[in-house]
Amino acid sequence: MKALIPAEVIERKIYLIRGQKVMLDKDLAVLYGVKPIRLREQVKRNIRRFPDDFMFQLDEKEIDFMVSQNAIPSRKTKSFMPRIFDNIEPRLINDRKSYV
């Protein structure tokens, strides 16, 4: 069993976007102990298990905001479009069974 992650660590990775508490795919993957690409693959394979609004992509204005917060790299990497996961709660992260 993996050790519990302190709530403070998780809370530092949560952003408020579109009035929702969200987490970047790369941060969620780190908490699960997997690579971001593996997290996205598993979500894609199991998409029926998640609500429709579980994940979304940022619009241009939101990307600019996240770059300004140093949450994502600069726009120089045009192919980088992070997935954003909402409905993030510390208890969900710490209940990391074999979802990914």
PDB file of N, CA and C in Angstrom:
ATOM      1  N   MET A   1       0.845  -1.181   0.000  1.00  0.00           N
ATOM      2  CA  MET A   1       0.000   0.000   0.000  1.00  0.00           C
ATOM      3  C   MET A   1       0.888   1.242   0.000  1.00  0.00           C
ATOM      4  N   LYS A   2       0.522   2.212  -0.795  1.00  0.00           N
ATOM      5  CA  LYS A   2       1.289   3.446  -0.873  1.00  0.00           C
ATOM      6  C   LYS A   2       0.990   4.322   0.336  1.00  0.00           C
ATOM      7  N   ALA A   3       1.988   5.110   0.707  1.00  0.00           N
ATOM      8  CA  ALA A   3       1.823   6.019   1.848  1.00  0.00           C
ATOM      9  C   ALA A   3       0.864   7.148   1.488  1.00  0.00           C
ATOM     10  N   LEU A   4       0.187   7.649   2.490  1.00  0.00           N
ATOM     11  CA  LEU A   4      -0.701   8.787   2.281  1.00  0.00           C
ATOM     12  C   LEU A   4       0.111  10.018   1.910  1.00  0.00           C
ATOM     13  N   ILE A   5      -0.426  10.796   1.017  1.00  0.00           N
ATOM     14  CA  ILE A   5       0.222  12.040   0.606  1.00  0.00           C
ATOM     15  C   ILE A   5      -0.362  13.151   1.469  1.00  0.00           C
ATOM     16  N   PRO A   6       0.485  13.974   2.072  1.00  0.00           N
ATOM     17  CA  PRO A   6      -0.047  15.056   2.910  1.00  0.00           C
ATOM     18  C   PRO A   6      -0.991  15.966   2.109  1.00  0.00           C
ATOM     19  N   ALA A   7      -2.068  16.367   2.747  1.00  0.00           N
ATOM     20  CA  ALA A   7      -3.066  17.217   2.083  1.00  0.00           C
ATOM     21  C   ALA A   7      -2.440  18.495   1.552  1.00  0.00           C
ATOM     22  N   GLU A   8      -1.433  19.036   2.255  1.00  0.00           N
ATOM     23  CA  GLU A   8      -0.795  20.287   1.815  1.00  0.00           C
ATOM     24  C   GLU A   8      -0.128  20.117   0.452  1.00  0.00           C
ATOM     25  N   VAL A   9       0.467  18.951   0.225  1.00  0.00           N
ATOM     26  CA  VAL A   9       1.124  18.684  -1.064  1.00  0.00           C
ATOM     27  C   VAL A   9       0.081  18.665  -2.167  1.00  0.00           C
ATOM     28  N   ILE A  10      -1.018  18.024  -1.912  1.00  0.00           N
ATOM     29  CA  ILE A  10      -2.088  17.934  -2.909  1.00  0.00           C
ATOM     30  C   ILE A  10      -2.699  19.313  -3.157  1.00  0.00           C
ATOM     31  N   GLU A  11      -2.954  20.035  -2.093  1.00  0.00           N
ATOM     32  CA  GLU A  11      -3.607  21.345  -2.222  1.00  0.00           C
ATOM     33  C   GLU A  11      -2.781  22.325  -3.041  1.00  0.00           C
ATOM     34  N   ARG A  12      -1.458  22.202  -3.003  1.00  0.00           N
ATOM     35  CA  ARG A  12      -0.600  23.102  -3.803  1.00  0.00           C
ATOM     36  C   ARG A  12      -0.715  22.825  -5.299  1.00  0.00           C
ATOM     37  N   LYS A  13      -1.243  21.684  -5.653  1.00  0.00           N
ATOM     38  CA  LYS A  13      -1.390  21.299  -7.058  1.00  0.00           C
ATOM     39  C   LYS A  13      -2.795  21.549  -7.590  1.00  0.00           C
ATOM     40  N   ILE A  14      -3.656  22.087  -6.767  1.00  0.00           N
ATOM     41  CA  ILE A  14      -5.039  22.336  -7.173  1.00  0.00           C
ATOM     42  C   ILE A  14      -5.197  23.806  -7.552  1.00  0.00           C
ATOM     43  N   TYR A  15      -5.805  24.039  -8.705  1.00  0.00           N
ATOM     44  CA  TYR A  15      -6.046  25.392  -9.218  1.00  0.00           C
ATOM     45  C   TYR A  15      -7.550  25.609  -9.345  1.00  0.00           C
ATOM     46  N   LEU A  16      -7.941  26.863  -9.326  1.00  0.00           N
ATOM     47  CA  LEU A  16      -9.340  27.212  -9.521  1.00  0.00           C
ATOM     48  C   LEU A  16      -9.502  27.733 -10.948  1.00  0.00           C
ATOM     49  N   ILE A  17     -10.169  26.957 -11.774  1.00  0.00           N
ATOM     50  CA  ILE A  17     -10.407  27.313 -13.175  1.00  0.00           C
ATOM     51  C   ILE A  17     -11.877  27.043 -13.472  1.00  0.00           C
ATOM     52  N   ARG A  18     -12.512  27.992 -14.126  1.00  0.00           N
ATOM     53  CA  ARG A  18     -13.939  27.893 -14.462  1.00  0.00           C
ATOM     54  C   ARG A  18     -14.780  27.648 -13.209  1.00  0.00           C
ATOM     55  N   GLY A  19     -14.323  28.194 -12.097  1.00  0.00           N
ATOM     56  CA  GLY A  19     -15.057  28.052 -10.848  1.00  0.00           C
ATOM     57  C   GLY A  19     -14.977  26.672 -10.232  1.00  0.00           C
ATOM     58  N   GLN A  20     -14.063  25.844 -10.737  1.00  0.00           N
ATOM     59  CA  GLN A  20     -13.924  24.479 -10.234  1.00  0.00           C
ATOM     60  C   GLN A  20     -12.505  24.231  -9.749  1.00  0.00           C
ATOM     61  N   LYS A  21     -12.376  23.396  -8.751  1.00  0.00           N
ATOM     62  CA  LYS A  21     -11.050  22.963  -8.311  1.00  0.00           C
ATOM     63  C   LYS A  21     -10.577  21.897  -9.277  1.00  0.00           C
ATOM     64  N   VAL A  22      -9.415  22.149  -9.886  1.00  0.00           N
ATOM     65  CA  VAL A  22      -8.904  21.240 -10.910  1.00  0.00           C
ATOM     66  C   VAL A  22      -7.430  20.929 -10.666  1.00  0.00           C
ATOM     67  N   MET A  23      -6.970  19.883 -11.336  1.00  0.00           N
ATOM     68  CA  MET A  23      -5.569  19.498 -11.252  1.00  0.00           C
ATOM     69  C   MET A  23      -5.082  19.138 -12.655  1.00  0.00           C
ATOM     70  N   LEU A  24      -3.847  19.536 -12.952  1.00  0.00           N
ATOM     71  CA  LEU A  24      -3.242  19.198 -14.237  1.00  0.00           C
ATOM     72  C   LEU A  24      -2.965  17.706 -14.309  1.00  0.00           C
ATOM     73  N   ASP A  25      -3.030  17.172 -15.515  1.00  0.00           N
ATOM     74  CA  ASP A  25      -2.767  15.751 -15.693  1.00  0.00           C
ATOM     75  C   ASP A  25      -1.388  15.351 -15.183  1.00  0.00           C
ATOM     76  N   LYS A  26      -0.389  16.204 -15.404  1.00  0.00           N
ATOM     77  CA  LYS A  26       0.972  15.863 -14.977  1.00  0.00           C
ATOM     78  C   LYS A  26       1.076  15.772 -13.456  1.00  0.00           C
ATOM     79  N   ASP A  27       0.367  16.637 -12.749  1.00  0.00           N
ATOM     80  CA  ASP A  27       0.395  16.608 -11.286  1.00  0.00           C
ATOM     81  C   ASP A  27      -0.376  15.411 -10.740  1.00  0.00           C
ATOM     82  N   LEU A  28      -1.505  15.115 -11.346  1.00  0.00           N
ATOM     83  CA  LEU A  28      -2.288  13.963 -10.919  1.00  0.00           C
ATOM     84  C   LEU A  28      -1.499  12.673 -11.156  1.00  0.00           C
ATOM     85  N   ALA A  29      -0.806  12.600 -12.287  1.00  0.00           N
ATOM     86  CA  ALA A  29       0.005  11.418 -12.595  1.00  0.00           C
ATOM     87  C   ALA A  29       1.103  11.222 -11.555  1.00  0.00           C
ATOM     88  N   VAL A  30       1.758  12.299 -11.163  1.00  0.00           N
ATOM     89  CA  VAL A  30       2.812  12.209 -10.147  1.00  0.00           C
ATOM     90  C   VAL A  30       2.239  11.653  -8.850  1.00  0.00           C
ATOM     91  N   LEU A  31       1.070  12.127  -8.460  1.00  0.00           N
ATOM     92  CA  LEU A  31       0.448  11.646  -7.232  1.00  0.00           C
ATOM     93  C   LEU A  31       0.102  10.162  -7.311  1.00  0.00           C
ATOM     94  N   TYR A  32      -0.231   9.701  -8.512  1.00  0.00           N
ATOM     95  CA  TYR A  32      -0.521   8.285  -8.713  1.00  0.00           C
ATOM     96  C   TYR A  32       0.746   7.459  -8.942  1.00  0.00           C
ATOM     97  N   GLY A  33       1.874   8.138  -9.156  1.00  0.00           N
ATOM     98  CA  GLY A  33       3.123   7.426  -9.376  1.00  0.00           C
ATOM     99  C   GLY A  33       3.265   6.845 -10.774  1.00  0.00           C
ATOM    100  N   VAL A  34       2.641   7.509 -11.751  1.00  0.00           N
ATOM    101  CA  VAL A  34       2.729   7.063 -13.144  1.00  0.00           C
ATOM    102  C   VAL A  34       3.127   8.244 -14.024  1.00  0.00           C
ATOM    103  N   LYS A  35       3.489   7.952 -15.260  1.00  0.00           N
ATOM    104  CA  LYS A  35       3.790   9.018 -16.213  1.00  0.00           C
ATOM    105  C   LYS A  35       2.480   9.609 -16.718  1.00  0.00           C
ATOM    106  N   PRO A  36       2.483  10.916 -17.029  1.00  0.00           N
ATOM    107  CA  PRO A  36       1.246  11.552 -17.518  1.00  0.00           C
ATOM    108  C   PRO A  36       0.637  10.850 -18.729  1.00  0.00           C
ATOM    109  N   ILE A  37       1.463  10.379 -19.635  1.00  0.00           N
ATOM    110  CA  ILE A  37       0.921   9.706 -20.820  1.00  0.00           C
ATOM    111  C   ILE A  37       0.178   8.438 -20.436  1.00  0.00           C
ATOM    112  N   ARG A  38       0.650   7.736 -19.415  1.00  0.00           N
ATOM    113  CA  ARG A  38      -0.028   6.517 -18.957  1.00  0.00           C
ATOM    114  C   ARG A  38      -1.370   6.853 -18.309  1.00  0.00           C
ATOM    115  N   LEU A  39      -1.412   7.934 -17.554  1.00  0.00           N
ATOM    116  CA  LEU A  39      -2.674   8.366 -16.953  1.00  0.00           C
ATOM    117  C   LEU A  39      -3.692   8.676 -18.045  1.00  0.00           C
ATOM    118  N   ARG A  40      -3.274   9.453 -19.050  1.00  0.00           N
ATOM    119  CA  ARG A  40      -4.191   9.808 -20.147  1.00  0.00           C
ATOM    120  C   ARG A  40      -4.651   8.569 -20.911  1.00  0.00           C
ATOM    121  N   GLU A  41      -3.743   7.609 -21.112  1.00  0.00           N
ATOM    122  CA  GLU A  41      -4.116   6.364 -21.806  1.00  0.00           C
ATOM    123  C   GLU A  41      -5.175   5.601 -21.028  1.00  0.00           C
ATOM    124  N   GLN A  42      -4.982   5.479 -19.715  1.00  0.00           N
ATOM    125  CA  GLN A  42      -5.926   4.731 -18.895  1.00  0.00           C
ATOM    126  C   GLN A  42      -7.291   5.413 -18.839  1.00  0.00           C
ATOM    127  N   VAL A  43      -7.280   6.732 -18.760  1.00  0.00           N
ATOM    128  CA  VAL A  43      -8.556   7.455 -18.763  1.00  0.00           C
ATOM    129  C   VAL A  43      -9.252   7.232 -20.095  1.00  0.00           C
ATOM    130  N   LYS A  44      -8.498   7.310 -21.187  1.00  0.00           N
ATOM    131  CA  LYS A  44      -9.083   7.113 -22.516  1.00  0.00           C
ATOM    132  C   LYS A  44      -9.660   5.705 -22.657  1.00  0.00           C
ATOM    133  N   ARG A  45      -8.948   4.707 -22.153  1.00  0.00           N
ATOM    134  CA  ARG A  45      -9.424   3.321 -22.236  1.00  0.00           C
ATOM    135  C   ARG A  45     -10.653   3.075 -21.374  1.00  0.00           C
ATOM    136  N   ASN A  46     -10.767   3.821 -20.294  1.00  0.00           N
ATOM    137  CA  ASN A  46     -11.850   3.604 -19.332  1.00  0.00           C
ATOM    138  C   ASN A  46     -12.794   4.792 -19.240  1.00  0.00           C
ATOM    139  N   ILE A  47     -12.941   5.518 -20.325  1.00  0.00           N
ATOM    140  CA  ILE A  47     -13.687   6.771 -20.321  1.00  0.00           C
ATOM    141  C   ILE A  47     -15.123   6.605 -19.822  1.00  0.00           C
ATOM    142  N   ARG A  48     -15.717   5.458 -20.012  1.00  0.00           N
ATOM    143  CA  ARG A  48     -17.098   5.224 -19.578  1.00  0.00           C
ATOM    144  C   ARG A  48     -17.238   5.216 -18.057  1.00  0.00           C
ATOM    145  N   ARG A  49     -16.136   5.038 -17.363  1.00  0.00           N
ATOM    146  CA  ARG A  49     -16.162   4.994 -15.895  1.00  0.00           C
ATOM    147  C   ARG A  49     -16.194   6.390 -15.271  1.00  0.00           C
ATOM    148  N   PHE A  50     -16.000   7.423 -16.089  1.00  0.00           N
ATOM    149  CA  PHE A  50     -15.897   8.785 -15.581  1.00  0.00           C
ATOM    150  C   PHE A  50     -17.073   9.631 -16.042  1.00  0.00           C
ATOM    151  N   PRO A  51     -17.476  10.605 -15.216  1.00  0.00           N
ATOM    152  CA  PRO A  51     -18.536  11.527 -15.659  1.00  0.00           C
ATOM    153  C   PRO A  51     -18.056  12.355 -16.857  1.00  0.00           C
ATOM    154  N   ASP A  52     -18.998  12.874 -17.624  1.00  0.00           N
ATOM    155  CA  ASP A  52     -18.662  13.652 -18.823  1.00  0.00           C
ATOM    156  C   ASP A  52     -17.775  14.847 -18.530  1.00  0.00           C
ATOM    157  N   ASP A  53     -17.969  15.470 -17.386  1.00  0.00           N
ATOM    158  CA  ASP A  53     -17.217  16.684 -17.069  1.00  0.00           C
ATOM    159  C   ASP A  53     -15.980  16.418 -16.210  1.00  0.00           C
ATOM    160  N   PHE A  54     -15.519  15.193 -16.199  1.00  0.00           N
ATOM    161  CA  PHE A  54     -14.374  14.810 -15.375  1.00  0.00           C
ATOM    162  C   PHE A  54     -13.069  15.429 -15.867  1.00  0.00           C
ATOM    163  N   MET A  55     -12.977  15.667 -17.163  1.00  0.00           N
ATOM    164  CA  MET A  55     -11.724  16.133 -17.755  1.00  0.00           C
ATOM    165  C   MET A  55     -12.037  17.104 -18.890  1.00  0.00           C
ATOM    166  N   PHE A  56     -11.185  18.130 -19.040  1.00  0.00           N
ATOM    167  CA  PHE A  56     -11.342  19.061 -20.159  1.00  0.00           C
ATOM    168  C   PHE A  56      -9.987  19.640 -20.523  1.00  0.00           C
ATOM    169  N   GLN A  57      -9.943  20.368 -21.643  1.00  0.00           N
ATOM    170  CA  GLN A  57      -8.718  21.035 -22.060  1.00  0.00           C
ATOM    171  C   GLN A  57      -8.878  22.529 -21.837  1.00  0.00           C
ATOM    172  N   LEU A  58      -7.763  23.179 -21.595  1.00  0.00           N
ATOM    173  CA  LEU A  58      -7.770  24.619 -21.361  1.00  0.00           C
ATOM    174  C   LEU A  58      -7.996  25.383 -22.656  1.00  0.00           C
ATOM    175  N   ASP A  59      -8.631  26.552 -22.553  1.00  0.00           N
ATOM    176  CA  ASP A  59      -8.713  27.435 -23.704  1.00  0.00           C
ATOM    177  C   ASP A  59      -7.467  28.338 -23.695  1.00  0.00           C
ATOM    178  N   GLU A  60      -7.334  29.186 -24.680  1.00  0.00           N
ATOM    179  CA  GLU A  60      -6.132  30.012 -24.832  1.00  0.00           C
ATOM    180  C   GLU A  60      -5.879  30.915 -23.618  1.00  0.00           C
ATOM    181  N   LYS A  61      -6.913  31.544 -23.122  1.00  0.00           N
ATOM    182  CA  LYS A  61      -6.777  32.441 -21.971  1.00  0.00           C
ATOM    183  C   LYS A  61      -6.335  31.663 -20.730  1.00  0.00           C
ATOM    184  N   GLU A  62      -6.893  30.481 -20.540  1.00  0.00           N
ATOM    185  CA  GLU A  62      -6.541  29.647 -19.396  1.00  0.00           C
ATOM    186  C   GLU A  62      -5.094  29.147 -19.496  1.00  0.00           C
ATOM    187  N   ILE A  63      -4.663  28.853 -20.716  1.00  0.00           N
ATOM    188  CA  ILE A  63      -3.270  28.435 -20.917  1.00  0.00           C
ATOM    189  C   ILE A  63      -2.337  29.572 -20.523  1.00  0.00           C
ATOM    190  N   ASP A  64      -2.663  30.781 -20.956  1.00  0.00           N
ATOM    191  CA  ASP A  64      -1.847  31.944 -20.586  1.00  0.00           C
ATOM    192  C   ASP A  64      -1.763  32.097 -19.071  1.00  0.00           C
ATOM    193  N   PHE A  65      -2.893  31.910 -18.391  1.00  0.00           N
ATOM    194  CA  PHE A  65      -2.912  32.013 -16.934  1.00  0.00           C
ATOM    195  C   PHE A  65      -2.019  30.944 -16.305  1.00  0.00           C
ATOM    196  N   MET A  66      -2.124  29.713 -16.775  1.00  0.00           N
ATOM    197  CA  MET A  66      -1.336  28.621 -16.189  1.00  0.00           C
ATOM    198  C   MET A  66       0.156  28.807 -16.465  1.00  0.00           C
ATOM    199  N   VAL A  67       0.506  29.344 -17.620  1.00  0.00           N
ATOM    200  CA  VAL A  67       1.910  29.658 -17.911  1.00  0.00           C
ATOM    201  C   VAL A  67       2.391  30.737 -16.944  1.00  0.00           C
ATOM    202  N   SER A  68       1.562  31.747 -16.703  1.00  0.00           N
ATOM    203  CA  SER A  68       1.954  32.830 -15.791  1.00  0.00           C
ATOM    204  C   SER A  68       2.131  32.338 -14.357  1.00  0.00           C
ATOM    205  N   GLN A  69       1.476  31.258 -14.006  1.00  0.00           N
ATOM    206  CA  GLN A  69       1.589  30.672 -12.666  1.00  0.00           C
ATOM    207  C   GLN A  69       2.706  29.629 -12.590  1.00  0.00           C
ATOM    208  N   ASN A  70       3.444  29.461 -13.700  1.00  0.00           N
ATOM    209  CA  ASN A  70       4.496  28.451 -13.807  1.00  0.00           C
ATOM    210  C   ASN A  70       3.964  27.036 -13.595  1.00  0.00           C
ATOM    211  N   ALA A  71       2.702  26.831 -13.878  1.00  0.00           N
ATOM    212  CA  ALA A  71       2.106  25.507 -13.728  1.00  0.00           C
ATOM    213  C   ALA A  71       2.358  24.640 -14.952  1.00  0.00           C
ATOM    214  N   ILE A  72       2.483  25.283 -16.109  1.00  0.00           N
ATOM    215  CA  ILE A  72       2.806  24.562 -17.342  1.00  0.00           C
ATOM    216  C   ILE A  72       3.931  25.310 -18.043  1.00  0.00           C
ATOM    217  N   PRO A  73       4.637  24.597 -18.945  1.00  0.00           N
ATOM    218  CA  PRO A  73       5.737  25.267 -19.652  1.00  0.00           C
ATOM    219  C   PRO A  73       5.239  26.375 -20.576  1.00  0.00           C
ATOM    220  N   SER A  74       6.148  27.124 -21.095  1.00  0.00           N
ATOM    221  CA  SER A  74       5.779  28.230 -21.980  1.00  0.00           C
ATOM    222  C   SER A  74       5.068  27.728 -23.227  1.00  0.00           C
ATOM    223  N   ARG A  75       4.511  28.653 -23.954  1.00  0.00           N
ATOM    224  CA  ARG A  75       3.786  28.314 -25.186  1.00  0.00           C
ATOM    225  C   ARG A  75       4.704  27.848 -26.311  1.00  0.00           C
ATOM    226  N   LYS A  76       5.993  27.831 -26.080  1.00  0.00           N
ATOM    227  CA  LYS A  76       6.924  27.399 -27.119  1.00  0.00           C
ATOM    228  C   LYS A  76       6.653  25.966 -27.543  1.00  0.00           C
ATOM    229  N   THR A  77       6.119  25.179 -26.634  1.00  0.00           N
ATOM    230  CA  THR A  77       5.775  23.797 -26.959  1.00  0.00           C
ATOM    231  C   THR A  77       4.308  23.760 -27.361  1.00  0.00           C
ATOM    232  N   LYS A  78       4.043  24.056 -28.621  1.00  0.00           N
ATOM    233  CA  LYS A  78       2.668  24.183 -29.111  1.00  0.00           C
ATOM    234  C   LYS A  78       1.872  22.890 -28.999  1.00  0.00           C
ATOM    235  N   SER A  79       2.551  21.753 -29.075  1.00  0.00           N
ATOM    236  CA  SER A  79       1.830  20.486 -29.029  1.00  0.00           C
ATOM    237  C   SER A  79       1.373  20.139 -27.621  1.00  0.00           C
ATOM    238  N   PHE A  80       1.858  20.876 -26.623  1.00  0.00           N
ATOM    239  CA  PHE A  80       1.506  20.568 -25.244  1.00  0.00           C
ATOM    240  C   PHE A  80       0.167  21.173 -24.884  1.00  0.00           C
ATOM    241  N   MET A  81      -0.825  20.353 -24.761  1.00  0.00           N
ATOM    242  CA  MET A  81      -2.152  20.784 -24.342  1.00  0.00           C
ATOM    243  C   MET A  81      -2.553  19.905 -23.160  1.00  0.00           C
ATOM    244  N   PRO A  82      -2.315  20.372 -21.949  1.00  0.00           N
ATOM    245  CA  PRO A  82      -2.601  19.532 -20.791  1.00  0.00           C
ATOM    246  C   PRO A  82      -4.088  19.237 -20.636  1.00  0.00           C
ATOM    247  N   ARG A  83      -4.356  18.092 -20.084  1.00  0.00           N
ATOM    248  CA  ARG A  83      -5.716  17.748 -19.707  1.00  0.00           C
ATOM    249  C   ARG A  83      -5.904  18.247 -18.277  1.00  0.00           C
ATOM    250  N   ILE A  84      -7.091  18.693 -17.988  1.00  0.00           N
ATOM    251  CA  ILE A  84      -7.413  19.197 -16.666  1.00  0.00           C
ATOM    252  C   ILE A  84      -8.476  18.284 -16.078  1.00  0.00           C
ATOM    253  N   PHE A  85      -8.243  17.844 -14.862  1.00  0.00           N
ATOM    254  CA  PHE A  85      -9.194  16.971 -14.184  1.00  0.00           C
ATOM    255  C   PHE A  85      -9.887  17.771 -13.094  1.00  0.00           C
ATOM    256  N   ASP A  86     -11.217  17.697 -13.078  1.00  0.00           N
ATOM    257  CA  ASP A  86     -11.931  18.397 -12.017  1.00  0.00           C
ATOM    258  C   ASP A  86     -12.486  17.377 -11.026  1.00  0.00           C
ATOM    259  N   ASN A  87     -13.277  17.854 -10.103  1.00  0.00           N
ATOM    260  CA  ASN A  87     -13.786  17.012  -9.021  1.00  0.00           C
ATOM    261  C   ASN A  87     -12.647  16.401  -8.223  1.00  0.00           C
ATOM    262  N   ILE A  88     -11.566  17.153  -8.080  1.00  0.00           N
ATOM    263  CA  ILE A  88     -10.392  16.669  -7.370  1.00  0.00           C
ATOM    264  C   ILE A  88     -10.578  16.905  -5.877  1.00  0.00           C
ATOM    265  N   GLU A  89     -10.393  15.864  -5.135  1.00  0.00           N
ATOM    266  CA  GLU A  89     -10.451  15.966  -3.683  1.00  0.00           C
ATOM    267  C   GLU A  89      -9.307  15.144  -3.109  1.00  0.00           C
ATOM    268  N   PRO A  90      -8.672  15.619  -2.044  1.00  0.00           N
ATOM    269  CA  PRO A  90      -7.571  14.857  -1.450  1.00  0.00           C
ATOM    270  C   PRO A  90      -7.926  13.419  -1.116  1.00  0.00           C
ATOM    271  N   ARG A  91      -9.150  13.170  -0.690  1.00  0.00           N
ATOM    272  CA  ARG A  91      -9.497  11.797  -0.336  1.00  0.00           C
ATOM    273  C   ARG A  91      -9.473  10.885  -1.558  1.00  0.00           C
ATOM    274  N   LEU A  92      -9.778  11.436  -2.736  1.00  0.00           N
ATOM    275  CA  LEU A  92      -9.727  10.628  -3.949  1.00  0.00           C
ATOM    276  C   LEU A  92      -8.291  10.272  -4.304  1.00  0.00           C
ATOM    277  N   ILE A  93      -7.381  11.208  -4.125  1.00  0.00           N
ATOM    278  CA  ILE A  93      -5.987  10.947  -4.430  1.00  0.00           C
ATOM    279  C   ILE A  93      -5.433   9.900  -3.477  1.00  0.00           C
ATOM    280  N   ASN A  94      -5.749  10.021  -2.219  1.00  0.00           N
ATOM    281  CA  ASN A  94      -5.223   9.089  -1.227  1.00  0.00           C
ATOM    282  C   ASN A  94      -5.909   7.735  -1.284  1.00  0.00           C
ATOM    283  N   ASP A  95      -6.964   7.627  -2.033  1.00  0.00           N
ATOM    284  CA  ASP A  95      -7.631   6.342  -2.239  1.00  0.00           C
ATOM    285  C   ASP A  95      -7.124   5.760  -3.559  1.00  0.00           C
ATOM    286  N   ARG A  96      -5.811   5.771  -3.735  1.00  0.00           N
ATOM    287  CA  ARG A  96      -5.180   5.363  -4.985  1.00  0.00           C
ATOM    288  C   ARG A  96      -5.073   3.860  -5.065  1.00  0.00           C
ATOM    289  N   LYS A  97      -6.123   3.211  -5.437  1.00  0.00           N
ATOM    290  CA  LYS A  97      -6.043   1.772  -5.600  1.00  0.00           C
ATOM    291  C   LYS A  97      -5.455   1.516  -6.976  1.00  0.00           C
ATOM    292  N   SER A  98      -5.838   0.538  -7.669  1.00  0.00           N
ATOM    293  CA  SER A  98      -5.225   0.248  -8.963  1.00  0.00           C
ATOM    294  C   SER A  98      -6.029   0.850 -10.100  1.00  0.00           C
ATOM    295  N   TYR A  99      -6.329   2.148  -9.995  1.00  0.00           N
ATOM    296  CA  TYR A  99      -7.064   2.813 -11.061  1.00  0.00           C
ATOM    297  C   TYR A  99      -6.188   3.070 -12.266  1.00  0.00           C
ATOM    298  N   VAL A 100      -4.893   3.307 -12.030  1.00  0.00           N
ATOM    299  CA  VAL A 100      -3.963   3.559 -13.140  1.00  0.00           C
ATOM    300  C   VAL A 100      -2.787   2.648 -13.013  1.00  0.00           C
TER     301      VAL A 100
END
